[in-house]
Amino acid sequence: MSVPAPPPSQGQPRKAALAAWIGSALEYYDFFIYGSAAALVFPKVFFDESDPADAALLSLATFGVAYAARPVGALFLGHIGDRLGRRKIMVFTLVLMGLSTFLIGCLPTRAQVGGLAPLFLVLCRVLQGISAAGEQASAGSMSLEHAPARQRAYFTSFTLSGTQAGQLLATLVFLPIAALPEDQLLSWGWRIPFWLSVAVAVVGYVIRRTLEEPPEFARQAAKSGRAERLPLAVLLTEHWSSLLRVIGGALVASVSTIFTVWALSYATSDAVGMDRSGMLWVGAVANLVALGAIPLWARLADRIGRRPVYLIGAAGSALLMFGYLWAISTGSYPLTFVLGVLAFGVVYSAANAVWPAFYGEMFPTRVRLSGMAIGTQIGFAVAGFAVTFAAQIAGDGGDDWFAVAVFTAALCVPPVIAALTARETFRVPTERLGERDAAPVAVEGAQRATI
């Protein structure tokens, strides 16, 4: 006997999308403030300046540490989210990210405590990674399960719009900080962006704590008397192929980390010598364009399917990375600006817009959060360390941009394969998602909602 889902509360799809947006904005404001600082400040604050090349490499490696922690956090948070609900994870990740980011702004420097300084930095970075492990998966699951049937890609895209907004905010906050005189930047200026994260965390907490669990999750829990007791076991035995596709697909995030961190470090290095404020503006405008592009790509995915839009983003990003890094190597700011905005603001946004729905629709409700969290975080872990690998691939002078472009393009191949081998799910009813025999249907009378 089937158990009907509780009726959705008025406005919950909009509220879930807003909660996903603001939480992701905080998570990735914090994450990319760290990325900017790791490229521009931390080598001189937390590491030994006697060897600038090693200091830069170690600083970029700490950026990847959080990605290494994310798969471990995903195992725990995915299990809890599929057993106890999406809202608990969404609140927990928000608080943990806000706290760990604030603490980074309070850390003593190497000049003050010696070798303990980078150790404290790594510990805070691990906490950031654990938080991020559950953020996008829980927000994506919540917004997907609340969304009207014909608008799942659109509503889940707010999770990634929040990511871009957070990245944009991080860049805009860091711009005046980066313009400070060197002594002020290295003594106190770099701390301010980390302290400011508290304000966003408070707003996000107020919104998220009043969210209701999605009707489909409540129905699943009522059906068995509880949520899935061992979601990981079910995931690995019944949905392993979808999990592998998500892991492969998540490697597309390497485009973001290379663009945001390695390219910034390369452009402002002695090898190229571009102005750091100018390069930060490239990222700011690209993210501003992405804020408009993401919902448009998502609307298209709700009309023609997830796979074609995702393929545009993954394959197009692989090609355009060559153009962007070449433009930096020429030292031409106008060329770098145009290709950076096109690559990251427009084309990469296609993959970003659709993956929350594309990955989430591969799994049934009872293991969706686990599948998305574990799959994405394993892939993202590789993407996080892509920055460190790129720094090594670029050679002793750090200027072999072509090798880095080839490396980034190679990391886009698994996402392309994942999309080509995946089922198209944009017309599968929400309650049938993840079922092998679920057939796509026309859903002309589906509930509609707008934001």
Protein backbone atom coordinates (compact mmCIF):
# COMPACT_ATOMS: atom_id res chain seq x y z
CA MET A 1 0.00 0.00 0.00
CA SER A 2 1.47 3.34 -1.00
CA VAL A 3 1.72 6.17 1.46
CA PRO A 4 0.81 9.55 0.04
CA ALA A 5 3.25 12.35 0.53
CA PRO A 6 2.22 15.17 2.86
CA PRO A 7 1.01 18.15 0.87
CA PRO A 8 3.74 20.74 0.28
CA SER A 9 3.45 24.01 2.16
CA GLN A 10 2.81 27.11 0.12
CA GLY A 11 6.05 28.77 -0.89
CA GLN A 12 8.32 25.90 0.15
CA PRO A 13 9.88 25.46 -3.34
CA ARG A 14 10.84 29.14 -3.32
CA LYS A 15 12.02 29.01 0.28
CA ALA A 16 14.07 25.88 -0.36
CA ALA A 17 15.69 27.53 -3.39
CA LEU A 18 16.46 30.68 -1.35
CA ALA A 19 17.89 28.60 1.50
CA ALA A 20 20.07 26.69 -0.98
CA TRP A 21 21.20 29.95 -2.56
CA ILE A 22 22.22 31.75 0.60
CA GLY A 23 23.88 28.72 2.16
CA SER A 24 25.92 28.04 -0.95
CA ALA A 25 26.80 31.72 -1.15
CA LEU A 26 28.29 31.56 2.35
CA GLU A 27 30.03 28.24 1.75
CA TYR A 28 31.74 29.43 -1.39
CA TYR A 29 32.38 32.97 -0.21
CA ASP A 30 34.38 31.30 2.54
CA PHE A 31 35.95 28.75 0.20
CA PHE A 32 37.09 31.27 -2.40
CA ILE A 33 38.19 33.91 0.08
CA TYR A 34 40.57 31.19 1.15
CA GLY A 35 41.56 30.53 -2.48
CA SER A 36 42.38 34.20 -3.11
CA ALA A 37 44.33 34.41 0.14
CA ALA A 38 46.18 31.17 -0.63
CA ALA A 39 47.30 32.59 -3.98
CA LEU A 40 48.14 36.14 -2.88
CA VAL A 41 48.79 36.29 0.88
CA PHE A 42 49.29 33.02 2.75
CA PRO A 43 52.70 32.15 1.23
CA LYS A 44 54.08 35.23 3.02
CA VAL A 45 52.03 34.93 6.22
CA PHE A 46 52.02 31.22 7.11
CA PHE A 47 55.00 29.75 5.25
CA ASP A 48 58.77 30.20 5.01
CA GLU A 49 59.52 33.16 2.73
CA SER A 50 63.15 32.10 2.23
CA ASP A 51 61.94 29.91 -0.66
CA PRO A 52 59.02 31.72 -2.34
CA ALA A 53 58.35 28.89 -4.82
CA ASP A 54 57.98 26.28 -2.06
CA ALA A 55 55.91 28.67 0.05
CA ALA A 56 53.50 29.22 -2.86
CA LEU A 57 53.27 25.49 -3.52
CA LEU A 58 52.56 24.69 0.15
CA SER A 59 49.98 27.45 0.33
CA LEU A 60 48.15 26.10 -2.72
CA ALA A 61 48.34 22.62 -1.19
CA THR A 62 46.39 23.83 1.86
CA PHE A 63 43.63 24.86 -0.55
CA GLY A 64 43.41 21.21 -1.57
CA VAL A 65 43.37 19.92 2.02
CA ALA A 66 39.70 20.81 2.40
CA TYR A 67 38.90 18.80 -0.71
CA ALA A 68 40.68 15.79 0.78
CA ALA A 69 38.50 16.08 3.90
CA ARG A 70 35.29 16.33 1.88
CA PRO A 71 34.85 12.62 0.97
CA VAL A 72 35.17 11.69 4.65
CA GLY A 73 32.64 14.31 5.62
CA ALA A 74 30.34 13.15 2.82
CA LEU A 75 30.20 9.60 4.20
CA PHE A 76 29.01 10.88 7.56
CA LEU A 77 26.78 13.77 6.46
CA GLY A 78 25.20 11.83 3.59
CA HIS A 79 24.25 9.01 5.97
CA ILE A 80 22.73 11.42 8.50
CA GLY A 81 20.91 13.41 5.81
CA ASP A 82 19.25 10.34 4.30
CA ARG A 83 18.29 9.00 7.73
CA LEU A 84 17.28 12.11 9.66
CA GLY A 85 16.49 14.70 7.00
CA ARG A 86 17.97 17.36 4.75
CA ARG A 87 17.29 20.37 7.00
CA LYS A 88 19.53 19.18 9.86
CA ILE A 89 22.50 18.87 7.53
CA MET A 90 21.80 22.25 5.93
CA VAL A 91 21.84 23.98 9.32
CA PHE A 92 24.91 22.08 10.55
CA THR A 93 27.02 22.83 7.48
CA LEU A 94 26.16 26.52 7.62
CA VAL A 95 27.21 26.90 11.25
CA LEU A 96 30.40 24.87 10.83
CA MET A 97 31.55 26.82 7.77
CA GLY A 98 30.86 30.19 9.40
CA LEU A 99 32.76 29.21 12.54
CA SER A 100 35.80 27.71 10.81
CA THR A 101 36.13 30.68 8.46
CA PHE A 102 35.93 33.18 11.31
CA LEU A 103 38.66 31.24 13.15
CA ILE A 104 40.98 31.46 10.13
CA GLY A 105 40.78 35.23 10.45
CA CYS A 106 41.90 34.92 14.07
CA LEU A 107 44.93 32.66 13.50
CA PRO A 108 48.43 33.70 14.58
CA THR A 109 51.00 33.99 11.79
CA ARG A 110 54.27 32.13 11.29
CA ALA A 111 56.17 35.12 12.66
CA GLN A 112 54.18 34.80 15.90
CA VAL A 113 54.05 31.03 16.57
CA GLY A 114 56.38 29.45 14.01
CA GLY A 115 55.44 26.06 12.59
CA LEU A 116 52.17 25.92 14.53
CA ALA A 117 50.70 28.59 12.25
CA PRO A 118 50.33 26.40 9.13
CA LEU A 119 49.12 23.53 11.34
CA PHE A 120 46.27 25.65 12.74
CA LEU A 121 45.50 26.82 9.20
CA VAL A 122 45.21 23.23 7.94
CA LEU A 123 42.92 22.25 10.85
CA CYS A 124 40.52 25.10 10.06
CA ARG A 125 40.68 24.19 6.39
CA VAL A 126 39.69 20.59 7.22
CA LEU A 127 36.62 21.91 9.08
CA GLN A 128 35.72 23.95 6.00
CA GLY A 129 36.01 20.81 3.89
CA ILE A 130 33.74 18.76 6.16
CA SER A 131 31.14 21.51 6.00
CA ALA A 132 31.29 21.80 2.22
CA ALA A 133 30.94 18.00 1.93
CA GLY A 134 27.29 18.14 2.89
CA GLU A 135 26.31 21.62 1.75
CA GLN A 136 25.62 21.31 -1.96
CA ALA A 137 24.26 17.74 -1.72
CA SER A 138 21.78 18.62 1.04
CA ALA A 139 20.76 21.90 -0.59
CA GLY A 140 20.43 20.22 -3.99
CA SER A 141 18.38 17.34 -2.56
CA MET A 142 16.12 19.71 -0.65
CA SER A 143 15.44 22.00 -3.61
CA LEU A 144 15.01 19.11 -6.08
CA GLU A 145 12.49 17.30 -3.89
CA HIS A 146 10.52 20.50 -3.28
CA ALA A 147 10.60 21.61 -6.94
CA PRO A 148 7.69 21.38 -9.39
CA ALA A 149 8.14 18.44 -11.78
CA ARG A 150 8.87 20.53 -14.88
CA GLN A 151 11.27 22.92 -13.14
CA ARG A 152 13.67 20.73 -11.22
CA ALA A 153 16.78 21.95 -13.04
CA TYR A 154 15.73 25.57 -12.57
CA PHE A 155 15.06 25.29 -8.84
CA THR A 156 18.15 23.22 -8.10
CA SER A 157 20.29 25.65 -10.10
CA PHE A 158 19.89 28.16 -7.26
CA THR A 159 22.39 26.07 -5.33
CA LEU A 160 25.02 26.84 -7.98
CA SER A 161 23.85 30.43 -8.43
CA GLY A 162 24.63 30.78 -4.74
CA THR A 163 28.07 29.30 -5.35
CA GLN A 164 28.77 31.92 -8.03
CA ALA A 165 27.35 34.68 -5.84
CA GLY A 166 29.64 33.60 -3.02
CA GLN A 167 32.62 33.55 -5.36
CA LEU A 168 31.66 37.00 -6.67
CA LEU A 169 31.25 38.35 -3.15
CA ALA A 170 34.61 36.89 -2.16
CA THR A 171 36.29 38.61 -5.09
CA LEU A 172 34.58 41.97 -4.46
CA VAL A 173 35.50 41.88 -0.77
CA PHE A 174 39.09 40.96 -1.58
CA LEU A 175 39.53 43.70 -4.20
CA PRO A 176 39.95 46.62 -1.75
CA ILE A 177 41.92 44.36 0.59
CA ALA A 178 44.35 43.41 -2.20
CA ALA A 179 44.81 47.12 -2.98
CA LEU A 180 46.13 47.84 0.54
CA PRO A 181 49.82 48.59 0.99
CA GLU A 182 51.79 45.36 1.35
CA ASP A 183 52.53 45.79 5.06
CA GLN A 184 48.86 46.44 5.94
CA LEU A 185 47.64 43.59 3.74
CA LEU A 186 49.97 41.09 5.40
CA SER A 187 49.49 42.33 8.97
CA TRP A 188 45.72 42.79 9.37
CA GLY A 189 43.98 43.42 6.05
CA TRP A 190 43.72 39.78 4.95
CA ARG A 191 41.77 38.91 8.13
CA ILE A 192 38.76 41.15 7.43
CA PRO A 193 37.12 39.01 4.67
CA PHE A 194 37.22 35.95 6.95
CA TRP A 195 35.55 37.81 9.81
CA LEU A 196 32.77 39.15 7.56
CA SER A 197 31.44 35.62 6.94
CA VAL A 198 29.61 35.74 10.29
CA ALA A 199 26.97 38.14 8.91
CA VAL A 200 25.99 35.82 6.04
CA ALA A 201 25.96 32.80 8.37
CA VAL A 202 23.43 34.45 10.68
CA VAL A 203 21.04 35.30 7.82
CA GLY A 204 21.33 31.81 6.37
CA TYR A 205 20.69 30.17 9.74
CA VAL A 206 17.46 32.13 10.24
CA ILE A 207 16.15 31.01 6.82
CA ARG A 208 17.23 27.37 7.01
CA ARG A 209 16.01 26.53 10.48
CA THR A 210 12.37 27.10 9.43
CA LEU A 211 12.48 24.90 6.31
CA GLU A 212 10.22 21.87 6.11
CA GLU A 213 11.45 18.49 4.91
CA PRO A 214 10.46 17.76 1.27
CA PRO A 215 7.17 15.85 0.80
CA GLU A 216 8.90 13.00 -1.04
CA PHE A 217 11.37 12.48 1.82
CA ALA A 218 8.51 12.53 4.34
CA ARG A 219 6.59 10.02 2.22
CA GLN A 220 9.59 7.71 2.04
CA ALA A 221 10.05 7.87 5.82
CA ALA A 222 6.35 7.22 6.43
CA LYS A 223 6.33 4.33 4.01
CA SER A 224 8.90 2.31 5.99
CA GLY A 225 8.29 3.87 9.40
CA ARG A 226 11.74 5.47 9.18
CA ALA A 227 14.22 6.75 6.63
CA GLU A 228 16.71 4.33 5.09
CA ARG A 229 18.75 2.76 7.93
CA LEU A 230 21.86 1.95 5.88
CA PRO A 231 21.79 4.26 2.87
CA LEU A 232 25.46 3.64 2.09
CA ALA A 233 24.92 -0.12 1.75
CA VAL A 234 21.96 0.42 -0.59
CA LEU A 235 23.91 3.00 -2.56
CA LEU A 236 26.92 0.73 -3.13
CA THR A 237 24.91 -2.40 -3.99
CA GLU A 238 22.05 -0.98 -6.06
CA HIS A 239 23.28 2.36 -7.44
CA TRP A 240 27.05 1.95 -7.86
CA SER A 241 27.01 2.79 -11.57
CA SER A 242 25.27 6.12 -10.91
CA LEU A 243 27.76 6.80 -8.12
CA LEU A 244 30.66 6.25 -10.53
CA ARG A 245 29.08 8.64 -13.04
CA VAL A 246 28.75 11.34 -10.40
CA ILE A 247 32.38 10.86 -9.34
CA GLY A 248 33.49 11.20 -12.96
CA GLY A 249 31.18 14.13 -13.60
CA ALA A 250 32.37 16.02 -10.53
CA LEU A 251 35.87 16.28 -12.01
CA VAL A 252 34.53 19.15 -14.11
CA ALA A 253 34.99 21.29 -10.98
CA SER A 254 38.71 21.29 -11.83
CA VAL A 255 37.89 24.04 -14.32
CA SER A 256 36.73 26.24 -11.44
CA THR A 257 39.73 25.64 -9.18
CA ILE A 258 42.27 26.11 -12.00
CA PHE A 259 40.53 29.30 -13.13
CA THR A 260 40.08 30.73 -9.65
CA VAL A 261 43.35 29.82 -7.96
CA TRP A 262 46.12 28.63 -10.30
CA ALA A 263 45.41 31.08 -13.12
CA LEU A 264 45.30 33.95 -10.60
CA SER A 265 48.63 32.86 -9.12
CA TYR A 266 50.17 32.45 -12.61
CA ALA A 267 48.91 35.78 -13.93
CA THR A 268 50.27 37.74 -10.95
CA SER A 269 53.59 35.87 -10.82
CA ASP A 270 56.89 37.32 -12.02
CA ALA A 271 56.56 35.19 -15.18
CA VAL A 272 53.60 37.31 -16.40
CA GLY A 273 53.37 40.26 -14.01
CA MET A 274 49.70 41.19 -14.42
CA ASP A 275 48.07 43.39 -11.79
CA ARG A 276 46.35 41.40 -9.03
CA SER A 277 43.39 43.80 -8.79
CA GLY A 278 42.84 43.56 -12.53
CA MET A 279 42.84 39.77 -12.39
CA LEU A 280 40.41 39.79 -9.48
CA TRP A 281 38.09 41.88 -11.65
CA VAL A 282 38.18 39.18 -14.35
CA GLY A 283 36.85 36.71 -11.79
CA ALA A 284 34.29 39.19 -10.48
CA VAL A 285 32.77 39.93 -13.89
CA ALA A 286 32.86 36.25 -14.91
CA ASN A 287 30.90 35.34 -11.78
CA LEU A 288 28.46 38.20 -12.38
CA VAL A 289 27.80 36.86 -15.89
CA ALA A 290 27.44 33.35 -14.45
CA LEU A 291 24.68 34.58 -12.14
CA GLY A 292 22.63 35.38 -15.22
CA ALA A 293 23.75 32.42 -17.31
CA ILE A 294 23.06 29.66 -14.77
CA PRO A 295 19.25 30.04 -14.55
CA LEU A 296 19.06 30.39 -18.36
CA TRP A 297 21.01 27.16 -18.90
CA ALA A 298 18.81 25.49 -16.27
CA ARG A 299 15.64 26.62 -18.06
CA LEU A 300 17.05 25.13 -21.26
CA ALA A 301 17.79 21.85 -19.45
CA ASP A 302 14.16 21.69 -18.30
CA ARG A 303 13.13 21.92 -21.95
CA ILE A 304 15.64 19.75 -23.83
CA GLY A 305 17.22 17.59 -21.12
CA ARG A 306 20.19 17.51 -18.76
CA ARG A 307 22.74 15.71 -20.94
CA PRO A 308 23.11 18.13 -23.88
CA VAL A 309 23.45 21.20 -21.62
CA TYR A 310 25.94 19.44 -19.37
CA LEU A 311 28.01 18.33 -22.38
CA ILE A 312 28.22 21.90 -23.66
CA GLY A 313 29.66 22.95 -20.31
CA ALA A 314 32.15 20.11 -19.90
CA ALA A 315 33.48 19.90 -23.46
CA GLY A 316 33.39 23.66 -24.03
CA SER A 317 35.33 24.35 -20.82
CA ALA A 318 38.06 21.91 -21.88
CA LEU A 319 38.58 23.81 -25.12
CA LEU A 320 38.32 27.33 -23.73
CA MET A 321 40.86 26.72 -20.97
CA PHE A 322 43.55 26.72 -23.69
CA GLY A 323 42.38 30.11 -24.88
CA TYR A 324 42.17 31.62 -21.41
CA LEU A 325 45.60 30.50 -20.22
CA TRP A 326 47.14 31.51 -23.56
CA ALA A 327 45.61 34.98 -23.15
CA ILE A 328 47.21 35.29 -19.70
CA SER A 329 50.58 34.23 -21.11
CA THR A 330 50.46 37.14 -23.58
CA GLY A 331 49.98 39.63 -20.75
CA SER A 332 47.04 41.18 -22.64
CA TYR A 333 44.44 42.24 -20.11
CA PRO A 334 41.58 42.84 -22.63
CA LEU A 335 42.13 39.40 -24.18
CA THR A 336 42.32 37.74 -20.78
CA PHE A 337 39.16 39.54 -19.67
CA VAL A 338 37.07 38.52 -22.69
CA LEU A 339 38.18 34.88 -22.75
CA GLY A 340 37.90 34.57 -18.96
CA VAL A 341 34.31 35.81 -18.93
CA LEU A 342 33.39 33.61 -21.91
CA ALA A 343 35.03 30.48 -20.48
CA PHE A 344 33.96 30.73 -16.87
CA GLY A 345 30.97 33.04 -16.95
CA VAL A 346 29.13 31.52 -19.93
CA VAL A 347 30.33 28.07 -20.98
CA TYR A 348 31.33 26.54 -17.64
CA SER A 349 27.99 27.77 -16.27
CA ALA A 350 26.19 25.21 -18.45
CA ALA A 351 27.66 22.31 -16.46
CA ASN A 352 27.25 24.19 -13.19
CA ALA A 353 23.60 24.95 -13.87
CA VAL A 354 22.55 21.40 -14.57
CA TRP A 355 24.63 19.13 -12.35
CA PRO A 356 22.52 19.45 -9.15
CA ALA A 357 19.50 18.11 -11.04
CA PHE A 358 21.49 15.79 -13.31
CA TYR A 359 23.29 14.05 -10.43
CA GLY A 360 20.38 14.15 -8.00
CA GLU A 361 17.98 12.57 -10.49
CA MET A 362 20.23 9.52 -10.81
CA PHE A 363 19.23 8.38 -7.29
CA PRO A 364 15.98 7.60 -5.45
CA THR A 365 15.01 9.71 -2.46
CA ARG A 366 16.22 7.22 0.14
CA VAL A 367 19.88 7.48 -0.95
CA ARG A 368 19.92 10.75 -2.90
CA LEU A 369 21.86 12.84 -0.40
CA SER A 370 24.42 10.06 0.16
CA GLY A 371 24.85 9.50 -3.57
CA MET A 372 25.29 13.18 -4.36
CA ALA A 373 27.51 13.92 -1.37
CA ILE A 374 29.87 10.96 -1.73
CA GLY A 375 30.03 11.08 -5.51
CA THR A 376 30.63 14.80 -5.82
CA GLN A 377 33.09 15.04 -2.96
CA ILE A 378 35.36 12.30 -4.29
CA GLY A 379 35.42 14.09 -7.64
CA PHE A 380 35.83 17.49 -5.99
CA ALA A 381 38.77 16.16 -3.96
CA VAL A 382 40.64 15.61 -7.22
CA ALA A 383 39.56 19.07 -8.38
CA GLY A 384 40.88 20.64 -5.19
CA PHE A 385 44.34 19.15 -5.62
CA ALA A 386 44.30 19.97 -9.32
CA VAL A 387 45.70 23.36 -8.28
CA THR A 388 48.70 21.70 -6.61
CA PHE A 389 49.26 19.37 -9.55
CA ALA A 390 49.03 22.32 -11.94
CA ALA A 391 51.70 24.19 -9.96
CA GLN A 392 54.02 21.21 -10.40
CA ILE A 393 53.13 20.62 -14.05
CA ALA A 394 53.86 24.27 -14.83
CA GLY A 395 57.57 23.60 -14.18
CA ASP A 396 60.23 25.38 -12.17
CA GLY A 397 59.37 28.72 -13.68
CA GLY A 398 55.64 28.17 -13.19
CA ASP A 399 54.94 29.34 -16.73
CA ASP A 400 54.09 26.19 -18.75
CA TRP A 401 50.47 27.19 -19.28
CA PHE A 402 49.96 24.77 -22.17
CA ALA A 403 50.73 21.74 -19.97
CA VAL A 404 48.23 23.01 -17.40
CA ALA A 405 45.59 23.49 -20.11
CA VAL A 406 46.13 19.92 -21.34
CA PHE A 407 45.87 18.66 -17.77
CA THR A 408 42.60 20.55 -17.20
CA ALA A 409 41.15 19.31 -20.51
CA ALA A 410 42.04 15.73 -19.56
CA LEU A 411 40.07 16.14 -16.33
CA CYS A 412 37.03 17.14 -18.43
CA VAL A 413 37.03 13.82 -20.30
CA PRO A 414 35.43 11.72 -17.49
CA PRO A 415 32.53 14.22 -17.15
CA VAL A 416 31.89 13.92 -20.89
CA ILE A 417 31.89 10.11 -20.66
CA ALA A 418 29.60 10.22 -17.62
CA ALA A 419 27.07 12.36 -19.49
CA LEU A 420 27.18 10.25 -22.64
CA THR A 421 26.49 7.04 -20.71
CA ALA A 422 23.84 8.43 -18.33
CA ARG A 423 20.07 8.16 -18.74
CA GLU A 424 18.09 11.28 -19.55
CA THR A 425 15.81 11.98 -16.56
CA PHE A 426 14.25 15.38 -17.13
CA ARG A 427 10.79 13.89 -17.81
CA VAL A 428 10.88 11.16 -15.17
CA PRO A 429 8.42 11.88 -12.31
CA THR A 430 10.13 12.86 -9.06
CA GLU A 431 8.81 9.83 -7.17
CA ARG A 432 10.21 7.46 -9.84
CA LEU A 433 13.72 8.94 -10.02
CA GLY A 434 16.48 6.36 -9.55
CA GLU A 435 14.30 3.41 -10.57
CA ARG A 436 15.71 1.30 -13.40
CA ASP A 437 12.32 0.78 -15.05
CA ALA A 438 11.15 4.38 -14.71
CA ALA A 439 10.05 5.70 -18.08
CA PRO A 440 9.92 9.38 -19.05
CA VAL A 441 6.42 10.81 -19.28
CA ALA A 442 4.87 14.03 -20.45
CA VAL A 443 4.00 16.13 -17.44
CA GLU A 444 2.00 18.90 -19.04
CA GLY A 445 -0.17 19.44 -16.01
CA ALA A 446 2.69 19.66 -13.53
CA GLN A 447 2.65 22.21 -10.78
CA ARG A 448 4.32 25.45 -11.77
CA ALA A 449 6.08 27.91 -9.53
CA THR A 450 8.27 30.93 -10.16
CA ILE A 451 10.72 32.94 -8.17
